[in-house]
Amino acid sequence: MSDLIERLPRRLLFAALIGLSAGLVLLPADAQESGGWRLGVAQVPDAPAPGAKPRTLVRLEALAAQAVPDSAPLQALTLDQALERLQADQLDAWVGIVPEDAALPGGVQRRALAWSASPMAILRVDTDIHDWTALAGRTVCLSADGRFVGELNARFAAIEQVYPSATDALLALRTGQCDAAVQDEDFLRQLLTYPEWRKFSAQLQPYRKLALAQLRRADLPVSGRQALQQALSAASLQHAVQEQVKAIAFEVYLDQTVPDCH
């Protein structure tokens, strides 16, 4: 953990992301009065329970959308709901998984984002699991705010252990409570750049491709397009995941009271 400890002076950045994960977005007064940009994602985080440990979100689109300047509180909408509201001018933009063959109604534009949400697994380096089918009857740590709850059991007969957050799921992997952890590919690749995760750097490559996309009204004003670009550009997303992973790795470090499982 020494490499992580050296980064502790940046804990204020961790706190900023944790604030975002709790939905504590401070908007300029004029934006609050006007309602702000109306943005949606598939899942909006619940407010943390009183006294709960701070936990950073794992779905990057929620963190990124909350960072859009002058935005109103996020709306939780399915893709179909978002398309209806975009067409009806009841929503300005939505960020999430949009199948490539999805039919978009008139007046709605799609823009691909630089983020792979494909399901990837990380495991202990001494694992005997070398392909997805070997997960049958084995335990997989998932987070409730991730994307893959139910999928690993349905596809591979894995035993899913669902934790409240990615922090808790990754902590369980480190302490031997499960055989693998599954999250978005780009999140895990960033996590594995940390030296303290080398013992858990065995990987199962994605078995299907998922990518984030932005949907927006075609007639969105230039100011709205600029606000979205500022928060959802490739550079902004890369910076966001770097800070997100630092926060989650730090949360795991703080809570790990027993040694790694080997």
C-alpha atoms as a PDB file:
ATOM      1  CA  MET A   1       0.000   0.000   0.000  1.00  0.00           C
ATOM      2  CA  SER A   2       3.018   2.307   0.146  1.00  0.00           C
ATOM      3  CA  ASP A   3       2.351   3.628  -3.360  1.00  0.00           C
ATOM      4  CA  LEU A   4      -1.189   4.527  -2.388  1.00  0.00           C
ATOM      5  CA  ILE A   5      -0.100   6.159   0.858  1.00  0.00           C
ATOM      6  CA  GLU A   6       2.156   8.480  -1.110  1.00  0.00           C
ATOM      7  CA  ARG A   7      -0.954   9.795  -2.820  1.00  0.00           C
ATOM      8  CA  LEU A   8      -2.778  10.645   0.391  1.00  0.00           C
ATOM      9  CA  PRO A   9      -2.139  14.405   0.070  1.00  0.00           C
ATOM     10  CA  ARG A  10      -4.656  14.279  -2.774  1.00  0.00           C
ATOM     11  CA  ARG A  11      -7.385  13.086  -0.441  1.00  0.00           C
ATOM     12  CA  LEU A  12      -9.287  16.288  -1.083  1.00  0.00           C
ATOM     13  CA  LEU A  13      -9.869  14.983  -4.582  1.00  0.00           C
ATOM     14  CA  PHE A  14     -11.222  11.788  -3.047  1.00  0.00           C
ATOM     15  CA  ALA A  15     -13.622  13.841  -0.979  1.00  0.00           C
ATOM     16  CA  ALA A  16     -14.784  15.733  -4.049  1.00  0.00           C
ATOM     17  CA  LEU A  17     -15.637  12.517  -5.848  1.00  0.00           C
ATOM     18  CA  ILE A  18     -17.280  11.079  -2.762  1.00  0.00           C
ATOM     19  CA  GLY A  19     -19.434  14.176  -2.651  1.00  0.00           C
ATOM     20  CA  LEU A  20     -20.443  13.537  -6.243  1.00  0.00           C
ATOM     21  CA  SER A  21     -21.247   9.909  -5.471  1.00  0.00           C
ATOM     22  CA  ALA A  22     -23.606  11.054  -2.753  1.00  0.00           C
ATOM     23  CA  GLY A  23     -25.357  13.345  -5.193  1.00  0.00           C
ATOM     24  CA  LEU A  24     -24.124  16.505  -3.488  1.00  0.00           C
ATOM     25  CA  VAL A  25     -23.783  18.682  -6.572  1.00  0.00           C
ATOM     26  CA  LEU A  26     -23.498  22.407  -5.955  1.00  0.00           C
ATOM     27  CA  LEU A  27     -25.077  24.430  -8.734  1.00  0.00           C
ATOM     28  CA  PRO A  28     -24.834  28.131  -9.417  1.00  0.00           C
ATOM     29  CA  ALA A  29     -27.861  29.981  -8.066  1.00  0.00           C
ATOM     30  CA  ASP A  30     -29.054  31.028 -11.515  1.00  0.00           C
ATOM     31  CA  ALA A  31     -28.912  27.422 -12.731  1.00  0.00           C
ATOM     32  CA  GLN A  32     -30.970  26.262  -9.748  1.00  0.00           C
ATOM     33  CA  GLU A  33     -33.544  28.955 -10.375  1.00  0.00           C
ATOM     34  CA  SER A  34     -33.848  28.087 -14.048  1.00  0.00           C
ATOM     35  CA  GLY A  35     -33.960  24.345 -13.407  1.00  0.00           C
ATOM     36  CA  GLY A  36     -30.634  23.584 -15.110  1.00  0.00           C
ATOM     37  CA  TRP A  37     -29.908  21.140 -17.901  1.00  0.00           C
ATOM     38  CA  ARG A  38     -32.202  18.107 -17.681  1.00  0.00           C
ATOM     39  CA  LEU A  39     -29.998  15.022 -17.721  1.00  0.00           C
ATOM     40  CA  GLY A  40     -30.731  11.345 -17.253  1.00  0.00           C
ATOM     41  CA  VAL A  41     -28.879   8.103 -16.563  1.00  0.00           C
ATOM     42  CA  ALA A  42     -30.133   4.567 -16.016  1.00  0.00           C
ATOM     43  CA  GLN A  43     -29.423   4.536 -12.292  1.00  0.00           C
ATOM     44  CA  VAL A  44     -29.257   7.447  -9.851  1.00  0.00           C
ATOM     45  CA  PRO A  45     -27.547   6.732  -6.521  1.00  0.00           C
ATOM     46  CA  ASP A  46     -29.566   6.795  -3.346  1.00  0.00           C
ATOM     47  CA  ALA A  47     -28.582   9.275  -0.693  1.00  0.00           C
ATOM     48  CA  PRO A  48     -26.234   7.604   1.811  1.00  0.00           C
ATOM     49  CA  ALA A  49     -27.784   6.425   5.037  1.00  0.00           C
ATOM     50  CA  PRO A  50     -26.939   8.493   8.125  1.00  0.00           C
ATOM     51  CA  GLY A  51     -23.554   7.427   9.455  1.00  0.00           C
ATOM     52  CA  ALA A  52     -22.768   5.262   6.438  1.00  0.00           C
ATOM     53  CA  LYS A  53     -19.196   5.087   5.218  1.00  0.00           C
ATOM     54  CA  PRO A  54     -18.577   7.210   2.114  1.00  0.00           C
ATOM     55  CA  ARG A  55     -18.575   5.167  -1.055  1.00  0.00           C
ATOM     56  CA  THR A  56     -17.696   6.331  -4.553  1.00  0.00           C
ATOM     57  CA  LEU A  57     -19.959   5.377  -7.442  1.00  0.00           C
ATOM     58  CA  VAL A  58     -18.705   2.838  -9.956  1.00  0.00           C
ATOM     59  CA  ARG A  59     -20.923   3.923 -12.879  1.00  0.00           C
ATOM     60  CA  LEU A  60     -18.827   6.630 -14.445  1.00  0.00           C
ATOM     61  CA  GLU A  61     -21.714   8.149 -16.403  1.00  0.00           C
ATOM     62  CA  ALA A  62     -23.428   9.224 -13.177  1.00  0.00           C
ATOM     63  CA  LEU A  63     -20.281  10.934 -11.909  1.00  0.00           C
ATOM     64  CA  ALA A  64     -19.666  12.571 -15.291  1.00  0.00           C
ATOM     65  CA  ALA A  65     -23.262  13.712 -15.779  1.00  0.00           C
ATOM     66  CA  GLN A  66     -23.342  15.224 -12.312  1.00  0.00           C
ATOM     67  CA  ALA A  67     -20.287  17.256 -13.336  1.00  0.00           C
ATOM     68  CA  VAL A  68     -22.077  18.915 -16.281  1.00  0.00           C
ATOM     69  CA  PRO A  69     -22.122  22.644 -15.502  1.00  0.00           C
ATOM     70  CA  ASP A  70     -25.545  24.111 -14.628  1.00  0.00           C
ATOM     71  CA  SER A  71     -27.239  20.713 -14.491  1.00  0.00           C
ATOM     72  CA  ALA A  72     -30.366  19.881 -12.520  1.00  0.00           C
ATOM     73  CA  PRO A  73     -30.441  16.740 -10.321  1.00  0.00           C
ATOM     74  CA  LEU A  74     -30.095  13.593 -12.410  1.00  0.00           C
ATOM     75  CA  GLN A  75     -33.175  11.675 -13.461  1.00  0.00           C
ATOM     76  CA  ALA A  76     -33.239   7.875 -13.348  1.00  0.00           C
ATOM     77  CA  LEU A  77     -34.586   6.757 -16.732  1.00  0.00           C
ATOM     78  CA  THR A  78     -34.450   3.617 -18.834  1.00  0.00           C
ATOM     79  CA  LEU A  79     -33.295   4.006 -22.418  1.00  0.00           C
ATOM     80  CA  ASP A  80     -36.883   3.809 -23.707  1.00  0.00           C
ATOM     81  CA  GLN A  81     -38.054   6.427 -21.214  1.00  0.00           C
ATOM     82  CA  ALA A  82     -35.164   8.695 -22.171  1.00  0.00           C
ATOM     83  CA  LEU A  83     -35.968   8.443 -25.884  1.00  0.00           C
ATOM     84  CA  GLU A  84     -39.581   9.375 -25.237  1.00  0.00           C
ATOM     85  CA  ARG A  85     -38.652  12.381 -23.116  1.00  0.00           C
ATOM     86  CA  LEU A  86     -35.949  13.566 -25.482  1.00  0.00           C
ATOM     87  CA  GLN A  87     -38.403  13.507 -28.362  1.00  0.00           C
ATOM     88  CA  ALA A  88     -41.023  15.297 -26.269  1.00  0.00           C
ATOM     89  CA  ASP A  89     -38.534  18.009 -25.209  1.00  0.00           C
ATOM     90  CA  GLN A  90     -38.780  16.883 -21.583  1.00  0.00           C
ATOM     91  CA  LEU A  91     -35.098  15.905 -21.348  1.00  0.00           C
ATOM     92  CA  ASP A  92     -31.923  17.476 -22.728  1.00  0.00           C
ATOM     93  CA  ALA A  93     -29.529  14.508 -22.685  1.00  0.00           C
ATOM     94  CA  TRP A  94     -29.106  10.954 -21.414  1.00  0.00           C
ATOM     95  CA  VAL A  95     -25.904   8.971 -20.866  1.00  0.00           C
ATOM     96  CA  GLY A  96     -25.744   5.198 -20.754  1.00  0.00           C
ATOM     97  CA  ILE A  97     -25.615   1.996 -22.783  1.00  0.00           C
ATOM     98  CA  VAL A  98     -27.202   2.438 -26.219  1.00  0.00           C
ATOM     99  CA  PRO A  99     -27.155  -0.643 -28.484  1.00  0.00           C
ATOM    100  CA  GLU A 100     -25.613   0.094 -31.870  1.00  0.00           C
ATOM    101  CA  ASP A 101     -28.753  -1.088 -33.631  1.00  0.00           C
ATOM    102  CA  ALA A 102     -31.098   0.987 -31.450  1.00  0.00           C
ATOM    103  CA  ALA A 103     -33.552   2.989 -33.560  1.00  0.00           C
ATOM    104  CA  LEU A 104     -33.491   6.658 -32.592  1.00  0.00           C
ATOM    105  CA  PRO A 105     -36.550   8.854 -33.105  1.00  0.00           C
ATOM    106  CA  GLY A 106     -36.317  12.068 -35.079  1.00  0.00           C
ATOM    107  CA  GLY A 107     -34.778  14.953 -33.206  1.00  0.00           C
ATOM    108  CA  VAL A 108     -32.464  12.726 -31.112  1.00  0.00           C
ATOM    109  CA  GLN A 109     -28.725  12.521 -31.767  1.00  0.00           C
ATOM    110  CA  ARG A 110     -26.240   9.916 -30.553  1.00  0.00           C
ATOM    111  CA  ARG A 111     -22.579  10.469 -29.723  1.00  0.00           C
ATOM    112  CA  ALA A 112     -20.268   7.636 -28.732  1.00  0.00           C
ATOM    113  CA  LEU A 113     -18.178   8.167 -25.599  1.00  0.00           C
ATOM    114  CA  ALA A 114     -14.663   6.941 -24.869  1.00  0.00           C
ATOM    115  CA  TRP A 115     -15.647   4.393 -22.217  1.00  0.00           C
ATOM    116  CA  SER A 116     -15.834   0.619 -22.399  1.00  0.00           C
ATOM    117  CA  ALA A 117     -18.472  -0.742 -20.053  1.00  0.00           C
ATOM    118  CA  SER A 118     -17.861  -4.304 -21.241  1.00  0.00           C
ATOM    119  CA  PRO A 119     -17.893  -6.904 -18.430  1.00  0.00           C
ATOM    120  CA  MET A 120     -14.360  -7.813 -17.374  1.00  0.00           C
ATOM    121  CA  ALA A 121     -13.225  -9.922 -14.439  1.00  0.00           C
ATOM    122  CA  ILE A 122     -10.162  -9.682 -12.219  1.00  0.00           C
ATOM    123  CA  LEU A 123      -8.938 -12.576 -10.089  1.00  0.00           C
ATOM    124  CA  ARG A 124      -6.061 -13.598  -7.852  1.00  0.00           C
ATOM    125  CA  VAL A 125      -2.943 -14.346  -9.891  1.00  0.00           C
ATOM    126  CA  ASP A 126      -2.874 -17.948  -8.603  1.00  0.00           C
ATOM    127  CA  THR A 127      -6.413 -18.627  -9.831  1.00  0.00           C
ATOM    128  CA  ASP A 128      -7.385 -21.814 -11.607  1.00  0.00           C
ATOM    129  CA  ILE A 129     -10.143 -19.940 -13.473  1.00  0.00           C
ATOM    130  CA  HIS A 130      -8.984 -19.146 -16.994  1.00  0.00           C
ATOM    131  CA  ASP A 131     -12.207 -18.642 -18.934  1.00  0.00           C
ATOM    132  CA  TRP A 132     -15.733 -17.468 -18.184  1.00  0.00           C
ATOM    133  CA  THR A 133     -17.254 -20.968 -18.263  1.00  0.00           C
ATOM    134  CA  ALA A 134     -15.003 -21.934 -15.343  1.00  0.00           C
ATOM    135  CA  LEU A 135     -17.036 -19.578 -13.156  1.00  0.00           C
ATOM    136  CA  ALA A 136     -19.785 -22.206 -12.885  1.00  0.00           C
ATOM    137  CA  GLY A 137     -20.292 -22.850  -9.182  1.00  0.00           C
ATOM    138  CA  ARG A 138     -17.658 -20.256  -8.245  1.00  0.00           C
ATOM    139  CA  THR A 139     -18.228 -16.990  -6.405  1.00  0.00           C
ATOM    140  CA  VAL A 140     -18.214 -13.597  -8.128  1.00  0.00           C
ATOM    141  CA  CYS A 141     -18.233 -10.263  -6.301  1.00  0.00           C
ATOM    142  CA  LEU A 142     -20.537  -7.659  -7.839  1.00  0.00           C
ATOM    143  CA  SER A 143     -21.734  -4.248  -6.704  1.00  0.00           C
ATOM    144  CA  ALA A 144     -25.364  -3.227  -6.553  1.00  0.00           C
ATOM    145  CA  ASP A 145     -24.557  -0.036  -8.451  1.00  0.00           C
ATOM    146  CA  GLY A 146     -22.739  -1.921 -11.222  1.00  0.00           C
ATOM    147  CA  ARG A 147     -24.260  -3.327 -14.417  1.00  0.00           C
ATOM    148  CA  PHE A 148     -23.964  -7.070 -14.180  1.00  0.00           C
ATOM    149  CA  VAL A 149     -26.066  -8.331 -11.263  1.00  0.00           C
ATOM    150  CA  GLY A 150     -27.920 -11.431 -12.449  1.00  0.00           C
ATOM    151  CA  GLU A 151     -25.935 -11.764 -15.663  1.00  0.00           C
ATOM    152  CA  LEU A 152     -23.052 -13.887 -14.381  1.00  0.00           C
ATOM    153  CA  ASN A 153     -25.415 -16.402 -12.840  1.00  0.00           C
ATOM    154  CA  ALA A 154     -27.642 -16.538 -15.912  1.00  0.00           C
ATOM    155  CA  ARG A 155     -24.781 -16.904 -18.393  1.00  0.00           C
ATOM    156  CA  PHE A 156     -22.213 -18.934 -16.500  1.00  0.00           C
ATOM    157  CA  ALA A 157     -23.974 -20.341 -13.413  1.00  0.00           C
ATOM    158  CA  ALA A 158     -21.677 -18.313 -11.182  1.00  0.00           C
ATOM    159  CA  ILE A 159     -22.631 -17.728  -7.552  1.00  0.00           C
ATOM    160  CA  GLU A 160     -23.151 -13.979  -7.318  1.00  0.00           C
ATOM    161  CA  GLN A 161     -22.317 -12.132  -4.120  1.00  0.00           C
ATOM    162  CA  VAL A 162     -23.744  -8.627  -4.381  1.00  0.00           C
ATOM    163  CA  TYR A 163     -22.281  -5.844  -2.242  1.00  0.00           C
ATOM    164  CA  PRO A 164     -23.577  -2.298  -1.771  1.00  0.00           C
ATOM    165  CA  SER A 165     -20.671  -0.703  -3.654  1.00  0.00           C
ATOM    166  CA  ALA A 166     -17.611  -1.441  -5.769  1.00  0.00           C
ATOM    167  CA  THR A 167     -15.466  -0.683  -2.719  1.00  0.00           C
ATOM    168  CA  ASP A 168     -17.146  -3.463  -0.735  1.00  0.00           C
ATOM    169  CA  ALA A 169     -17.010  -5.913  -3.655  1.00  0.00           C
ATOM    170  CA  LEU A 170     -13.307  -5.312  -4.252  1.00  0.00           C
ATOM    171  CA  LEU A 171     -12.573  -5.550  -0.541  1.00  0.00           C
ATOM    172  CA  ALA A 172     -14.289  -8.947  -0.546  1.00  0.00           C
ATOM    173  CA  LEU A 173     -12.092 -10.076  -3.443  1.00  0.00           C
ATOM    174  CA  ARG A 174      -8.936  -9.021  -1.616  1.00  0.00           C
ATOM    175  CA  THR A 175      -9.903 -10.861   1.569  1.00  0.00           C
ATOM    176  CA  GLY A 176     -10.826 -14.131  -0.150  1.00  0.00           C
ATOM    177  CA  GLN A 177     -14.604 -13.972   0.031  1.00  0.00           C
ATOM    178  CA  CYS A 178     -15.005 -14.577  -3.701  1.00  0.00           C
ATOM    179  CA  ASP A 179     -13.079 -15.948  -6.678  1.00  0.00           C
ATOM    180  CA  ALA A 180     -13.498 -12.993  -9.040  1.00  0.00           C
ATOM    181  CA  ALA A 181     -14.829  -9.451  -9.259  1.00  0.00           C
ATOM    182  CA  VAL A 182     -16.598  -8.086 -12.355  1.00  0.00           C
ATOM    183  CA  GLN A 183     -16.974  -4.432 -13.334  1.00  0.00           C
ATOM    184  CA  ASP A 184     -16.656  -2.161 -16.378  1.00  0.00           C
ATOM    185  CA  GLU A 185     -13.553  -2.941 -18.414  1.00  0.00           C
ATOM    186  CA  ASP A 186     -12.125   0.589 -18.382  1.00  0.00           C
ATOM    187  CA  PHE A 187     -12.629   0.920 -14.619  1.00  0.00           C
ATOM    188  CA  LEU A 188     -10.749  -2.305 -13.897  1.00  0.00           C
ATOM    189  CA  ARG A 189      -7.934  -1.495 -16.320  1.00  0.00           C
ATOM    190  CA  GLN A 190      -7.351   1.758 -14.485  1.00  0.00           C
ATOM    191  CA  LEU A 191      -7.456  -0.040 -11.121  1.00  0.00           C
ATOM    192  CA  LEU A 192      -4.824  -2.527 -12.274  1.00  0.00           C
ATOM    193  CA  THR A 193      -2.322   0.281 -12.868  1.00  0.00           C
ATOM    194  CA  TYR A 194      -1.967   0.454  -9.079  1.00  0.00           C
ATOM    195  CA  PRO A 195       0.930  -1.670  -7.745  1.00  0.00           C
ATOM    196  CA  GLU A 196      -1.158  -2.840  -4.782  1.00  0.00           C
ATOM    197  CA  TRP A 197      -3.489  -4.664  -7.192  1.00  0.00           C
ATOM    198  CA  ARG A 198      -0.797  -6.810  -8.847  1.00  0.00           C
ATOM    199  CA  LYS A 199      -1.812  -9.846  -6.763  1.00  0.00           C
ATOM    200  CA  PHE A 200      -5.267  -9.573  -8.298  1.00  0.00           C
ATOM    201  CA  SER A 201      -4.302  -8.816 -11.881  1.00  0.00           C
ATOM    202  CA  ALA A 202      -5.352 -12.100 -13.525  1.00  0.00           C
ATOM    203  CA  GLN A 203      -8.095 -11.236 -15.995  1.00  0.00           C
ATOM    204  CA  LEU A 204     -10.999 -12.597 -17.977  1.00  0.00           C
ATOM    205  CA  GLN A 205     -11.401 -10.453 -21.065  1.00  0.00           C
ATOM    206  CA  PRO A 206     -14.908  -9.154 -21.909  1.00  0.00           C
ATOM    207  CA  TYR A 207     -17.300 -11.723 -23.348  1.00  0.00           C
ATOM    208  CA  ARG A 208     -19.455  -8.995 -24.918  1.00  0.00           C
ATOM    209  CA  LYS A 209     -18.929  -5.376 -25.910  1.00  0.00           C
ATOM    210  CA  LEU A 210     -20.690  -2.500 -24.206  1.00  0.00           C
ATOM    211  CA  ALA A 211     -19.869   1.178 -24.660  1.00  0.00           C
ATOM    212  CA  LEU A 212     -21.301   4.362 -23.237  1.00  0.00           C
ATOM    213  CA  ALA A 213     -23.059   6.835 -25.492  1.00  0.00           C
ATOM    214  CA  GLN A 214     -24.671  10.218 -25.091  1.00  0.00           C
ATOM    215  CA  LEU A 215     -28.133  10.920 -26.467  1.00  0.00           C
ATOM    216  CA  ARG A 216     -29.241  14.521 -26.782  1.00  0.00           C
ATOM    217  CA  ARG A 217     -31.881  16.681 -28.337  1.00  0.00           C
ATOM    218  CA  ALA A 218     -30.838  17.706 -31.830  1.00  0.00           C
ATOM    219  CA  ASP A 219     -31.974  21.259 -31.072  1.00  0.00           C
ATOM    220  CA  LEU A 220     -30.032  21.538 -27.809  1.00  0.00           C
ATOM    221  CA  PRO A 221     -28.614  25.084 -27.542  1.00  0.00           C
ATOM    222  CA  VAL A 222     -24.902  25.600 -28.122  1.00  0.00           C
ATOM    223  CA  SER A 223     -24.391  26.314 -24.421  1.00  0.00           C
ATOM    224  CA  GLY A 224     -25.858  22.917 -23.560  1.00  0.00           C
ATOM    225  CA  ARG A 225     -23.675  21.133 -26.096  1.00  0.00           C
ATOM    226  CA  GLN A 226     -20.610  22.860 -24.716  1.00  0.00           C
ATOM    227  CA  ALA A 227     -21.543  21.887 -21.161  1.00  0.00           C
ATOM    228  CA  LEU A 228     -21.913  18.249 -22.185  1.00  0.00           C
ATOM    229  CA  GLN A 229     -18.654  18.304 -24.128  1.00  0.00           C
ATOM    230  CA  GLN A 230     -16.831  19.745 -21.144  1.00  0.00           C
ATOM    231  CA  ALA A 231     -17.903  16.875 -18.879  1.00  0.00           C
ATOM    232  CA  LEU A 232     -18.046  13.982 -21.365  1.00  0.00           C
ATOM    233  CA  SER A 233     -14.992  14.459 -23.563  1.00  0.00           C
ATOM    234  CA  ALA A 234     -12.427  11.651 -23.686  1.00  0.00           C
ATOM    235  CA  ALA A 235     -10.007  13.730 -21.606  1.00  0.00           C
ATOM    236  CA  SER A 236     -12.667  14.545 -19.006  1.00  0.00           C
ATOM    237  CA  LEU A 237     -13.731  10.904 -18.707  1.00  0.00           C
ATOM    238  CA  GLN A 238     -10.117   9.779 -18.355  1.00  0.00           C
ATOM    239  CA  HIS A 239      -9.520  12.301 -15.603  1.00  0.00           C
ATOM    240  CA  ALA A 240     -12.777  11.294 -13.911  1.00  0.00           C
ATOM    241  CA  VAL A 241     -11.896   7.584 -13.861  1.00  0.00           C
ATOM    242  CA  GLN A 242      -8.425   8.323 -12.516  1.00  0.00           C
ATOM    243  CA  GLU A 243      -9.921  10.220  -9.590  1.00  0.00           C
ATOM    244  CA  GLN A 244     -12.725   7.667  -9.178  1.00  0.00           C
ATOM    245  CA  VAL A 245     -10.267   4.775  -8.942  1.00  0.00           C
ATOM    246  CA  LYS A 246      -8.048   6.672  -6.501  1.00  0.00           C
ATOM    247  CA  ALA A 247     -11.073   7.220  -4.294  1.00  0.00           C
ATOM    248  CA  ILE A 248     -12.245   3.606  -4.418  1.00  0.00           C
ATOM    249  CA  ALA A 249      -8.729   2.217  -3.872  1.00  0.00           C
ATOM    250  CA  PHE A 250      -8.365   4.502  -0.882  1.00  0.00           C
ATOM    251  CA  GLU A 251     -11.725   3.367   0.535  1.00  0.00           C
ATOM    252  CA  VAL A 252     -10.637  -0.271   0.180  1.00  0.00           C
ATOM    253  CA  TYR A 253      -7.343   0.501   1.887  1.00  0.00           C
ATOM    254  CA  LEU A 254      -9.065   2.210   4.825  1.00  0.00           C
ATOM    255  CA  ASP A 255     -11.465  -0.687   5.373  1.00  0.00           C
ATOM    256  CA  GLN A 256      -9.113  -3.641   4.879  1.00  0.00           C
ATOM    257  CA  THR A 257      -8.481  -4.775   8.438  1.00  0.00           C
ATOM    258  CA  VAL A 258      -7.185  -8.254   7.542  1.00  0.00           C
ATOM    259  CA  PRO A 259      -4.357  -9.221   5.168  1.00  0.00           C
ATOM    260  CA  ASP A 260      -4.899 -10.171   1.554  1.00  0.00           C
ATOM    261  CA  CYS A 261      -6.112 -13.716   1.145  1.00  0.00           C
ATOM    262  CA  HIS A 262      -2.623 -14.885   0.084  1.00  0.00           C
END
